[in-house]
Protein backbone atom coordinates (compact mmCIF):
# COMPACT_ATOMS: atom_id res chain seq x y z
CA MET A 1 -18.32 14.95 11.12
CA LEU A 2 -16.82 12.49 8.62
CA ALA A 3 -20.03 12.16 6.62
CA LEU A 4 -20.46 15.94 6.60
CA LEU A 5 -16.96 16.50 5.22
CA ILE A 6 -17.27 13.87 2.51
CA CYS A 7 -20.54 15.32 1.25
CA ILE A 8 -19.46 18.96 0.96
CA GLY A 9 -20.43 20.28 -2.45
CA GLN A 10 -18.79 22.12 -5.26
CA GLY A 11 -18.32 25.51 -3.57
CA VAL A 12 -18.05 29.04 -4.96
CA ALA A 13 -15.31 31.58 -5.41
CA ALA A 14 -13.78 33.37 -2.43
CA GLY A 15 -16.01 36.03 -0.83
CA PRO A 16 -15.86 39.79 -1.43
CA ASN A 17 -13.94 40.48 1.78
CA ALA A 18 -11.02 38.24 0.81
CA SER A 19 -7.64 39.95 0.57
CA SER A 20 -6.31 40.21 -2.97
CA THR A 21 -2.67 40.81 -2.07
CA GLY A 22 -2.09 39.18 1.29
CA ASN A 23 0.80 39.68 3.66
CA VAL A 24 3.59 39.45 1.08
CA ASN A 25 6.28 39.77 3.74
CA GLY A 26 5.04 36.85 5.78
CA GLY A 27 4.48 36.77 9.51
CA PRO A 28 6.84 36.11 12.40
CA ASN A 29 9.59 33.58 11.69
CA GLY A 30 8.65 33.35 8.00
CA THR A 31 5.06 32.16 8.59
CA TYR A 32 2.44 32.82 5.91
CA ASP A 33 -1.18 32.55 7.08
CA VAL A 34 -3.51 31.49 4.25
CA ARG A 35 -6.25 33.76 5.60
CA ASP A 36 -4.03 36.74 4.88
CA TYR A 37 -4.16 35.70 1.24
CA GLY A 38 -7.94 35.45 1.01
CA ALA A 39 -8.80 31.98 2.33
CA THR A 40 -12.18 31.95 4.08
CA GLY A 41 -12.14 28.56 5.77
CA ASP A 42 -15.93 28.57 5.78
CA GLY A 43 -16.43 25.33 3.82
CA ASN A 44 -18.48 27.10 1.12
CA HIS A 45 -16.03 29.20 -0.89
CA LEU A 46 -13.18 27.69 -2.90
CA ASP A 47 -9.91 28.45 -1.13
CA GLN A 48 -7.25 26.80 -3.28
CA ASN A 49 -6.29 30.04 -5.04
CA ALA A 50 -5.63 31.78 -1.74
CA ILE A 51 -3.65 28.85 -0.39
CA ASN A 52 -1.61 28.71 -3.59
CA LYS A 53 -0.84 32.44 -3.27
CA ALA A 54 0.45 31.90 0.25
CA ILE A 55 2.59 28.94 -0.85
CA ASP A 56 4.00 30.90 -3.79
CA ALA A 57 4.82 33.92 -1.60
CA CYS A 58 6.59 31.68 0.89
CA ASN A 59 8.60 30.03 -1.87
CA GLN A 60 9.51 33.37 -3.49
CA ALA A 61 10.81 34.60 -0.14
CA GLY A 62 13.17 31.63 0.08
CA GLY A 63 10.95 29.28 2.05
CA GLY A 64 9.20 29.03 5.39
CA THR A 65 5.88 27.95 6.87
CA VAL A 66 2.41 28.26 5.35
CA LEU A 67 -0.17 28.06 8.10
CA VAL A 68 -3.70 26.70 7.64
CA PRO A 69 -5.60 27.77 10.78
CA ALA A 70 -8.71 26.07 12.13
CA GLY A 71 -11.54 26.08 9.61
CA THR A 72 -12.87 24.09 6.65
CA TYR A 73 -11.17 24.91 3.36
CA LEU A 74 -12.99 23.73 0.26
CA CYS A 75 -10.36 23.27 -2.44
CA GLY A 76 -9.37 22.14 -5.88
CA SER A 77 -5.70 21.62 -6.75
CA ILE A 78 -3.14 22.94 -4.26
CA HIS A 79 0.40 23.34 -5.63
CA LEU A 80 3.28 22.49 -3.32
CA GLU A 81 6.55 24.35 -3.88
CA SER A 82 10.14 23.81 -2.73
CA HIS A 83 11.24 24.85 0.78
CA VAL A 84 7.64 25.25 1.93
CA HIS A 85 6.29 23.66 5.10
CA LEU A 86 2.48 23.42 5.03
CA VAL A 87 1.15 23.26 8.59
CA LEU A 88 -2.43 22.16 9.29
CA ASP A 89 -3.42 23.60 12.65
CA PRO A 90 -5.71 21.65 15.02
CA GLY A 91 -9.26 22.04 13.73
CA SER A 92 -8.22 22.71 10.15
CA VAL A 93 -9.74 20.62 7.37
CA ILE A 94 -8.86 20.76 3.68
CA VAL A 95 -11.77 19.26 1.72
CA GLY A 96 -11.63 18.28 -1.93
CA THR A 97 -14.42 19.86 -3.96
CA ARG A 98 -16.28 17.89 -6.60
CA GLY A 99 -14.24 16.45 -9.43
CA ASP A 100 -16.41 18.12 -12.07
CA SER A 101 -16.01 21.59 -10.55
CA LYS A 102 -13.11 22.56 -12.86
CA ALA A 103 -11.17 23.54 -9.75
CA TYR A 104 -8.60 20.81 -10.33
CA ASP A 105 -5.64 21.04 -12.67
CA THR A 106 -5.81 19.20 -15.98
CA ALA A 107 -3.91 15.93 -16.11
CA GLU A 108 -0.53 16.30 -17.76
CA THR A 109 0.37 14.55 -21.01
CA PHE A 110 2.23 11.28 -20.52
CA PRO A 111 5.11 10.88 -23.00
CA GLY A 112 5.18 7.58 -24.86
CA LYS A 113 3.10 4.52 -24.11
CA ALA A 114 1.80 4.11 -20.57
CA TYR A 115 2.09 0.56 -19.27
CA GLN A 116 1.06 1.38 -15.69
CA ASP A 117 -2.42 1.97 -14.29
CA GLY A 118 -3.96 5.39 -14.87
CA GLY A 119 -3.68 6.34 -11.23
CA HIS A 120 0.11 6.00 -11.48
CA THR A 121 0.37 8.02 -14.67
CA PHE A 122 -1.04 11.44 -13.77
CA PHE A 123 -0.25 13.74 -10.83
CA HIS A 124 -1.46 17.26 -11.59
CA ASN A 125 -5.12 16.27 -11.37
CA SER A 126 -4.85 15.82 -7.59
CA LEU A 127 -6.03 17.68 -4.51
CA ILE A 128 -2.44 18.42 -3.38
CA TRP A 129 0.48 17.81 -5.73
CA GLY A 130 4.11 18.64 -6.36
CA GLU A 131 6.69 17.74 -9.02
CA ASN A 132 10.47 18.25 -9.17
CA LEU A 133 10.55 19.82 -5.72
CA GLU A 134 12.93 19.69 -2.78
CA ASP A 135 12.58 20.24 0.95
CA ILE A 136 8.79 20.05 1.34
CA ALA A 137 6.67 19.16 4.35
CA ILE A 138 3.04 18.73 5.35
CA THR A 139 2.56 18.43 9.10
CA GLY A 140 0.14 19.24 11.89
CA THR A 141 -2.89 17.58 13.42
CA GLY A 142 -5.40 18.85 10.87
CA ILE A 143 -7.29 16.78 8.31
CA ILE A 144 -7.14 16.33 4.55
CA ASN A 145 -10.49 15.00 3.36
CA GLY A 146 -10.77 13.90 -0.27
CA GLY A 147 -14.45 14.82 -0.29
CA GLY A 148 -15.44 14.87 -3.96
CA ILE A 149 -12.32 13.31 -5.48
CA THR A 150 -12.82 10.07 -7.39
CA GLU A 151 -11.34 6.59 -7.21
CA ASN A 152 -10.55 6.02 -10.89
CA ASP A 153 -8.97 2.62 -11.51
CA LYS A 154 -8.91 2.45 -15.30
CA GLU A 155 -5.73 1.82 -17.22
CA VAL A 156 -4.40 4.63 -19.41
CA ASN A 157 -4.42 2.55 -22.56
CA GLU A 158 -8.14 2.08 -22.04
CA GLY A 159 -8.44 5.83 -22.59
CA ALA A 160 -9.15 6.83 -18.99
CA VAL A 161 -7.70 9.98 -17.45
CA GLY A 162 -8.63 10.34 -13.79
CA ILE A 163 -10.17 13.59 -12.57
CA ALA A 164 -8.98 14.48 -9.09
CA ASP A 165 -8.29 10.93 -8.02
CA LYS A 166 -5.52 11.45 -5.41
CA ALA A 167 -5.34 13.34 -2.13
CA ILE A 168 -1.54 13.89 -2.22
CA ALA A 169 0.59 13.15 -5.30
CA LEU A 170 4.35 13.73 -5.45
CA LYS A 171 6.67 13.08 -8.39
CA LEU A 172 10.47 13.39 -8.56
CA CYS A 173 10.74 15.20 -5.24
CA ARG A 174 13.62 15.06 -2.77
CA GLY A 175 13.41 15.67 0.96
CA VAL A 176 9.76 15.00 1.80
CA LEU A 177 8.19 14.95 5.26
CA ILE A 178 4.52 14.22 5.94
CA ARG A 179 3.77 13.87 9.65
CA ASP A 180 0.87 13.77 12.14
CA ILE A 181 -1.95 14.61 9.70
CA THR A 182 -5.15 12.63 9.10
CA ILE A 183 -6.30 11.74 5.58
CA LEU A 184 -9.89 10.62 4.98
CA HIS A 185 -11.49 9.33 1.77
CA GLY A 186 -8.30 9.79 -0.24
CA GLY A 187 -9.50 8.54 -3.65
CA HIS A 188 -7.35 6.18 -5.72
CA PHE A 189 -4.35 7.05 -3.53
CA ALA A 190 -4.35 8.92 -0.25
CA ILE A 191 -0.58 9.42 -0.75
CA LEU A 192 1.31 8.59 -3.94
CA ALA A 193 5.06 9.28 -4.13
CA THR A 194 6.78 8.37 -7.42
CA GLY A 195 10.48 8.72 -8.18
CA CYS A 196 11.08 10.48 -4.85
CA ASP A 197 14.17 10.38 -2.64
CA MET A 198 14.52 10.87 1.12
CA VAL A 199 10.84 10.50 2.07
CA THR A 200 9.56 10.27 5.64
CA LEU A 201 5.92 9.46 6.41
CA ASP A 202 5.36 9.48 10.17
CA ASN A 203 2.40 9.15 12.54
CA LEU A 204 -0.31 9.38 9.89
CA LEU A 205 -3.92 8.28 10.32
CA ILE A 206 -5.39 7.29 6.96
CA ASP A 207 -8.94 5.96 6.59
CA THR A 208 -9.72 5.72 2.90
CA ASN A 209 -11.63 4.08 0.05
CA ARG A 210 -8.67 2.87 -2.08
CA ASP A 211 -4.89 2.66 -1.52
CA GLY A 212 -3.51 4.36 1.55
CA ILE A 213 0.21 4.87 0.90
CA ASP A 214 1.97 4.00 -2.37
CA VAL A 215 5.71 4.59 -2.77
CA ASP A 216 6.67 3.93 -6.37
CA CYS A 217 10.24 3.93 -7.75
CA CYS A 218 11.40 5.64 -4.54
CA ASN A 219 14.72 5.56 -2.67
CA HIS A 220 15.48 6.09 1.03
CA THR A 221 11.88 5.99 2.27
CA THR A 222 10.74 5.59 5.87
CA ILE A 223 7.13 4.82 6.78
CA VAL A 224 6.70 4.67 10.55
CA ASN A 225 4.00 4.85 13.22
CA CYS A 226 1.16 5.01 10.68
CA LYS A 227 -2.37 3.64 10.99
CA VAL A 228 -3.92 2.90 7.59
CA ASN A 229 -7.42 1.54 7.02
CA SER A 230 -8.32 0.64 3.41
CA PRO A 231 -10.97 -2.07 3.08
CA ASN A 232 -11.20 -1.89 -0.72
CA ASP A 233 -7.51 -1.80 -1.63
CA ASP A 234 -3.99 -1.95 -0.21
CA ALA A 235 -3.00 -0.04 2.91
CA ILE A 236 0.75 0.36 2.39
CA CYS A 237 1.92 -0.62 -1.07
CA PRO A 238 5.48 -0.23 -2.38
CA LYS A 239 5.53 -0.38 -6.19
CA ALA A 240 8.08 -0.06 -8.98
CA SER A 241 5.99 0.81 -12.04
CA PHE A 242 6.92 2.15 -15.49
CA ALA A 243 5.55 5.59 -14.59
CA LEU A 244 8.96 7.22 -15.16
CA ASN A 245 9.19 5.69 -18.65
CA LYS A 246 11.90 3.30 -17.46
CA PRO A 247 12.23 0.57 -14.86
CA VAL A 248 13.28 2.13 -11.55
CA PRO A 249 13.49 0.08 -8.32
CA THR A 250 12.03 0.95 -4.97
CA GLU A 251 14.94 0.42 -2.58
CA ASN A 252 16.23 1.26 0.87
CA LEU A 253 12.73 1.22 2.32
CA THR A 254 11.73 0.86 5.97
CA ILE A 255 8.15 0.21 7.11
CA SER A 256 7.96 -0.02 10.89
CA ASN A 257 5.53 0.21 13.80
CA CYS A 258 2.49 0.51 11.55
CA GLN A 259 -1.06 -0.80 11.83
CA VAL A 260 -3.09 -1.76 8.76
CA SER A 261 -6.70 -2.87 8.60
CA GLY A 262 -9.74 -3.53 6.45
CA TYR A 263 -12.57 -2.10 8.54
CA GLU A 264 -15.49 -0.33 6.89
CA GLU A 265 -14.28 3.01 5.58
CA GLY A 266 -14.47 5.73 8.22
CA THR A 267 -14.77 3.41 11.18
CA LEU A 268 -11.11 3.48 12.14
CA TYR A 269 -11.31 7.28 12.31
CA SER A 270 -14.56 7.14 14.27
CA GLY A 271 -13.15 4.54 16.66
CA LYS A 272 -15.91 2.00 15.91
CA CYS A 273 -13.62 -0.32 13.88
CA ILE A 274 -16.44 -2.24 12.16
CA PRO A 275 -15.29 -5.24 10.06
CA THR A 276 -16.65 -5.41 6.52
CA ASN A 277 -19.64 -7.71 6.10
CA ARG A 278 -18.65 -9.11 2.69
CA GLY A 279 -16.26 -11.75 4.01
CA TRP A 280 -13.03 -10.17 2.76
CA ALA A 281 -11.11 -6.91 2.91
CA ASN A 282 -7.80 -5.77 1.47
CA GLY A 283 -6.05 -3.41 3.88
CA ARG A 284 -2.67 -5.17 3.74
CA ILE A 285 1.00 -4.38 3.20
CA LYS A 286 1.88 -5.53 -0.31
CA PHE A 287 4.94 -5.14 -2.55
CA GLY A 288 3.71 -4.96 -6.18
CA THR A 289 1.67 -5.52 -8.29
CA GLU A 290 3.38 -2.87 -10.45
CA SER A 291 6.97 -4.19 -10.29
CA ASN A 292 8.95 -3.35 -13.44
CA GLY A 293 11.87 -1.91 -11.48
CA GLY A 294 11.81 -4.42 -8.64
CA PHE A 295 12.52 -3.98 -4.93
CA LYS A 296 15.81 -4.10 -3.03
CA ASN A 297 17.02 -3.68 0.54
CA CYS A 298 13.65 -3.34 2.29
CA VAL A 299 12.69 -3.98 5.92
CA VAL A 300 9.18 -4.41 7.34
CA SER A 301 9.05 -4.70 11.13
CA ASN A 302 6.70 -4.59 14.09
CA CYS A 303 3.41 -4.18 12.22
CA ILE A 304 -0.17 -5.22 13.04
CA PHE A 305 -2.71 -6.50 10.48
CA ARG A 306 -6.39 -6.67 11.48
CA TYR A 307 -9.41 -7.87 9.49
CA CYS A 308 -7.47 -7.74 6.21
CA LYS A 309 -5.32 -9.81 3.88
CA GLY A 310 -1.85 -10.85 4.95
CA PHE A 311 1.63 -9.78 3.85
CA ALA A 312 2.44 -10.07 0.13
CA LEU A 313 5.49 -9.95 -2.14
CA GLU A 314 4.45 -9.97 -5.82
CA GLU A 315 7.05 -9.69 -8.59
CA VAL A 316 5.13 -10.05 -11.84
CA ASP A 317 6.41 -7.37 -14.26
CA GLY A 318 9.97 -8.47 -14.87
CA GLY A 319 11.95 -6.78 -12.10
CA THR A 320 14.12 -8.26 -9.37
CA LEU A 321 12.86 -8.45 -5.79
CA GLU A 322 15.71 -9.22 -3.37
CA ASN A 323 17.14 -8.59 0.07
CA ILE A 324 13.86 -8.27 1.96
CA VAL A 325 13.61 -8.72 5.75
CA VAL A 326 10.23 -8.99 7.47
CA THR A 327 10.00 -9.46 11.21
CA GLY A 328 7.53 -8.99 14.02
CA LEU A 329 4.09 -9.22 12.38
CA VAL A 330 0.88 -9.78 14.34
CA MET A 331 -2.24 -10.62 12.32
CA ASP A 332 -5.81 -11.14 13.51
CA HIS A 333 -8.79 -12.19 11.36
CA VAL A 334 -6.82 -12.65 8.15
CA CYS A 335 -8.59 -12.79 4.77
CA GLU A 336 -7.37 -15.33 2.20
CA TYR A 337 -3.72 -15.90 3.25
CA PRO A 338 -1.19 -14.86 5.92
CA ILE A 339 1.90 -14.74 3.65
CA TYR A 340 1.98 -14.66 -0.16
CA ILE A 341 5.26 -14.71 -2.09
CA THR A 342 5.00 -15.10 -5.85
CA VAL A 343 6.62 -14.57 -9.22
CA GLY A 344 4.30 -14.24 -12.20
CA SER A 345 4.53 -13.55 -15.92
CA ARG A 346 2.11 -10.68 -16.37
CA ASN A 347 5.16 -8.82 -17.77
CA ARG A 348 3.42 -5.53 -18.40
CA GLY A 349 6.02 -3.27 -19.99
CA PRO A 350 8.36 -3.13 -22.99
CA ASN A 351 10.59 -6.16 -23.64
CA VAL A 352 9.85 -7.70 -20.27
CA SER A 353 10.59 -11.28 -19.25
CA THR A 354 9.62 -13.08 -16.05
CA GLY A 355 11.26 -11.52 -13.02
CA ILE A 356 13.44 -12.71 -10.15
CA LEU A 357 12.57 -13.11 -6.46
CA ARG A 358 15.29 -14.13 -4.00
CA ASN A 359 16.81 -13.68 -0.58
CA VAL A 360 13.77 -13.08 1.64
CA SER A 361 13.63 -13.61 5.40
CA ILE A 362 10.31 -13.61 7.28
CA SER A 363 10.36 -14.25 11.03
CA ASP A 364 8.42 -13.81 14.25
CA VAL A 365 4.89 -13.87 12.85
CA ILE A 366 1.71 -14.69 14.78
CA ALA A 367 -1.55 -14.94 12.82
CA THR A 368 -4.95 -15.98 14.21
CA GLU A 369 -8.36 -16.58 12.64
CA VAL A 370 -6.82 -17.08 9.19
CA ASP A 371 -9.11 -17.86 6.26
CA SER A 372 -9.15 -21.48 5.10
CA LEU A 373 -9.08 -20.49 1.41
CA CYS A 374 -5.33 -20.00 1.00
CA ALA A 375 -2.27 -21.34 2.74
CA ILE A 376 1.04 -19.56 2.94
CA GLN A 377 2.11 -19.55 -0.71
CA ILE A 378 5.70 -19.48 -2.00
CA THR A 379 5.47 -19.87 -5.76
CA GLY A 380 7.68 -19.14 -8.74
CA ALA A 381 6.91 -19.76 -12.39
CA PRO A 382 8.00 -22.70 -14.55
CA GLY A 383 11.71 -22.18 -15.18
CA TYR A 384 11.82 -19.19 -12.81
CA ASN A 385 12.25 -20.42 -9.26
CA VAL A 386 11.92 -18.16 -6.25
CA SER A 387 14.97 -18.81 -4.10
CA GLN A 388 16.62 -18.30 -0.74
CA ILE A 389 13.41 -17.92 1.26
CA ARG A 390 13.58 -18.32 5.07
CA LEU A 391 10.54 -18.63 7.35
CA ASN A 392 11.39 -18.73 11.05
CA ASN A 393 9.29 -18.66 14.23
CA ILE A 394 5.91 -18.57 12.53
CA ARG A 395 2.62 -19.36 14.35
CA ILE A 396 -0.49 -19.64 12.17
CA GLN A 397 -3.97 -20.51 13.43
CA TYR A 398 -6.20 -21.43 10.47
CA LYS A 399 -9.97 -21.70 10.62
CA GLY A 400 -9.70 -25.09 8.89
CA GLY A 401 -12.58 -27.05 7.45
CA GLY A 402 -10.90 -28.10 4.21
CA SER A 403 -12.15 -31.27 2.48
CA LEU A 404 -10.51 -34.26 0.81
CA GLU A 405 -11.92 -33.00 -2.49
CA ALA A 406 -10.04 -29.73 -2.00
CA ALA A 407 -6.89 -31.69 -1.15
CA ALA A 408 -7.12 -33.53 -4.48
CA ARG A 409 -7.57 -30.34 -6.49
CA GLU A 410 -4.97 -29.53 -9.15
CA PHE A 411 -3.77 -26.07 -8.25
CA PRO A 412 -3.45 -23.76 -11.29
CA GLU A 413 -0.35 -21.79 -12.21
CA LEU A 414 -0.51 -18.01 -11.87
CA GLY A 415 0.97 -17.50 -15.35
CA LYS A 416 0.03 -14.14 -16.83
CA GLY A 417 -2.88 -13.67 -14.47
CA TYR A 418 -3.30 -10.92 -11.91
CA PRO A 419 -1.47 -12.13 -8.78
CA GLU A 420 -4.35 -12.33 -6.37
CA ALA A 421 -4.35 -15.59 -4.45
CA SER A 422 -8.15 -15.84 -4.39
CA LYS A 423 -8.27 -15.93 -8.21
CA LEU A 424 -6.56 -19.34 -8.09
CA GLY A 425 -9.28 -20.85 -5.93
CA ILE A 426 -9.00 -22.94 -2.79
CA ASN A 427 -5.52 -24.24 -2.09
CA PRO A 428 -5.01 -28.03 -1.85
CA ALA A 429 -2.81 -27.46 1.23
CA TYR A 430 -4.05 -25.70 4.32
CA GLY A 431 -0.70 -24.70 5.85
CA ILE A 432 1.88 -23.92 3.17
CA PHE A 433 2.13 -24.49 -0.58
CA ILE A 434 5.56 -24.30 -2.27
CA ARG A 435 6.13 -24.62 -6.03
CA HIS A 436 8.96 -23.74 -8.43
CA ALA A 437 11.36 -22.85 -5.63
CA SER A 438 14.98 -23.33 -4.55
CA ASP A 439 16.72 -23.18 -1.19
CA ILE A 440 13.70 -22.91 1.08
CA THR A 441 13.97 -23.19 4.88
CA LEU A 442 11.08 -23.59 7.31
CA ARG A 443 12.26 -23.43 10.92
CA ASP A 444 10.03 -23.43 13.99
CA VAL A 445 6.83 -23.09 11.95
CA ILE A 446 3.68 -24.22 13.75
CA PHE A 447 0.22 -24.64 12.21
CA GLN A 448 -3.01 -24.99 14.18
CA THR A 449 -6.59 -25.42 12.98
CA VAL A 450 -9.77 -24.34 14.75
CA HIS A 451 -11.75 -26.96 12.82
CA GLN A 452 -10.44 -30.23 11.42
CA ASP A 453 -8.88 -29.81 7.97
CA LEU A 454 -8.46 -32.84 5.72
CA ARG A 455 -5.97 -31.23 3.36
CA PRO A 456 -2.24 -31.78 3.88
CA ALA A 457 -0.47 -29.16 5.92
CA LEU A 458 2.28 -28.86 3.29
CA ILE A 459 2.57 -29.43 -0.45
CA ALA A 460 5.95 -29.00 -2.15
CA ASP A 461 6.18 -29.34 -5.93
CA ASP A 462 9.27 -28.74 -8.07
CA VAL A 463 11.51 -27.65 -5.22
CA ASP A 464 15.31 -27.90 -5.18
CA GLY A 465 16.50 -27.70 -1.61
CA LEU A 466 13.91 -27.77 1.19
CA GLN A 467 14.73 -27.82 4.90
CA ILE A 468 11.99 -28.37 7.47
CA ILE A 469 13.29 -28.03 11.02
CA ASP A 470 11.30 -28.14 14.25
CA CYS A 471 7.93 -27.64 12.53
CA LYS A 472 4.58 -28.88 13.83
CA ALA A 473 1.02 -29.42 12.65
CA PRO A 474 -1.94 -31.39 14.05
CA VAL A 475 -2.11 -35.03 12.99
CA ILE A 476 -5.55 -36.22 11.89
CA ASN A 477 -6.21 -39.96 11.61
CA LYS A 478 -2.54 -40.56 10.83
CA GLN A 479 -3.00 -38.95 7.41
CA SER A 480 0.07 -37.72 5.57
CA LEU A 481 0.63 -34.08 6.46
CA ALA A 482 3.17 -33.42 3.72
CA HIS A 483 3.05 -34.17 0.01
CA TYR A 484 6.31 -33.96 -1.93
CA HIS A 485 6.57 -34.03 -5.72
CA LYS A 486 9.84 -33.50 -7.59
CA VAL A 487 11.60 -32.33 -4.44
CA ALA A 488 15.40 -32.61 -4.37
CA ALA A 489 17.69 -32.21 -1.35
CA LEU A 490 14.91 -32.58 1.23
CA LEU A 491 15.92 -32.38 4.90
CA VAL A 492 13.37 -32.93 7.68
CA ARG A 493 14.52 -32.67 11.31
CA TYR A 494 12.57 -32.69 14.57
CA SER A 495 9.38 -32.46 12.52
CA PRO A 496 7.75 -35.92 12.60
CA ALA A 497 4.46 -34.65 11.16
CA PHE A 498 6.26 -33.68 7.94
CA GLU A 499 8.37 -36.78 7.38
């Protein structure tokens, strides 16, 4: 069924028997059935006009429910409106028609210079979109399938304007609920919410080709009970871009009881859960890369990562990332790194200087089958230390196999580069690498290796204040497991391997 939905073609206008006026008074309890407004649900005729009529009628009546019954609805742009609850009945599928069908709205004009990626700049050129709305909901057990939408990833200042590159795009909305639906093949973003307040995303199944869920410059957001598979990009990705023409933080965010993965696209939905055969997959929870406004007061708890990269905090565009609590992560078959915390100097935006990252607590993490390429990384930039980082009760099983040549490698600075750990090459430490940092505590951190690794378990460089308490790592031929360079206020207790 998945392949059939993705390959549906351009479609034609609604058939001759479609109603031109619809039930303008709505049905029982303020319910507006899209078939009463001309939707065919046959998968061949374009139904967005009929669905938009039903949504508009519901809104004009003061709000209510727009019902999408079982059927396949081939669509271009669907316009959400305030006080409207869009319900996808069991067996209903909204499928995006081809991007060149002229069924999608034209991308709006962005005022001023756009510093953010093109996908973050435009909203109207989406399958389902809404702007400056309040009290909106999309629920039900039906499916939204991107079908013919694209996965544009060009930056605006390269001249690219995406055509239908998002499944759901929301901007400056308040009071948003998306619950129980399935999103397949969502394009650049399956869900993008920018500048929104009071957002709840609950019990979603997303199996897509690019980002799953992006919340950008949002406040009071809850993402719970979601399963997101995105082998080619990030699964759940808080951002704080310049899309609102000013730096706005993402704050008061909760991500809980979610599962993220990097299986081949479509195989989470099918239940086959096939790992990618290229040796890596994204599929992670990541804060950044777009980070002009920073992040504050965020909690990530009780989440599972499978066959994907690990957890990442990336502050590289001048904002402040602070007051972050992460607890209860289980990771299996981890690509590249289990935990990545970094400040960089990409500084994309007007009058931007290197940002700040501080006050982060990560605890109760178990990771197995972790790639030998990258250790846990906690890195600032020269003159811009990350600070107040706590790692507690961490169990990491690395694949190992690192060589003495890798241990002797001079590890490059991130600088202005894109903050992807793999771009820096193999890490000279296999367990944890700390550089340009202050007030770091490692407590009850245990490293294991499946194969012998000749690199040190820990490298600390330019660190002011490092506590290592009750930490363990395998000793190999009495080699030094910890290398310290320009480390002040070092305290090692109950951790003989790191003395």
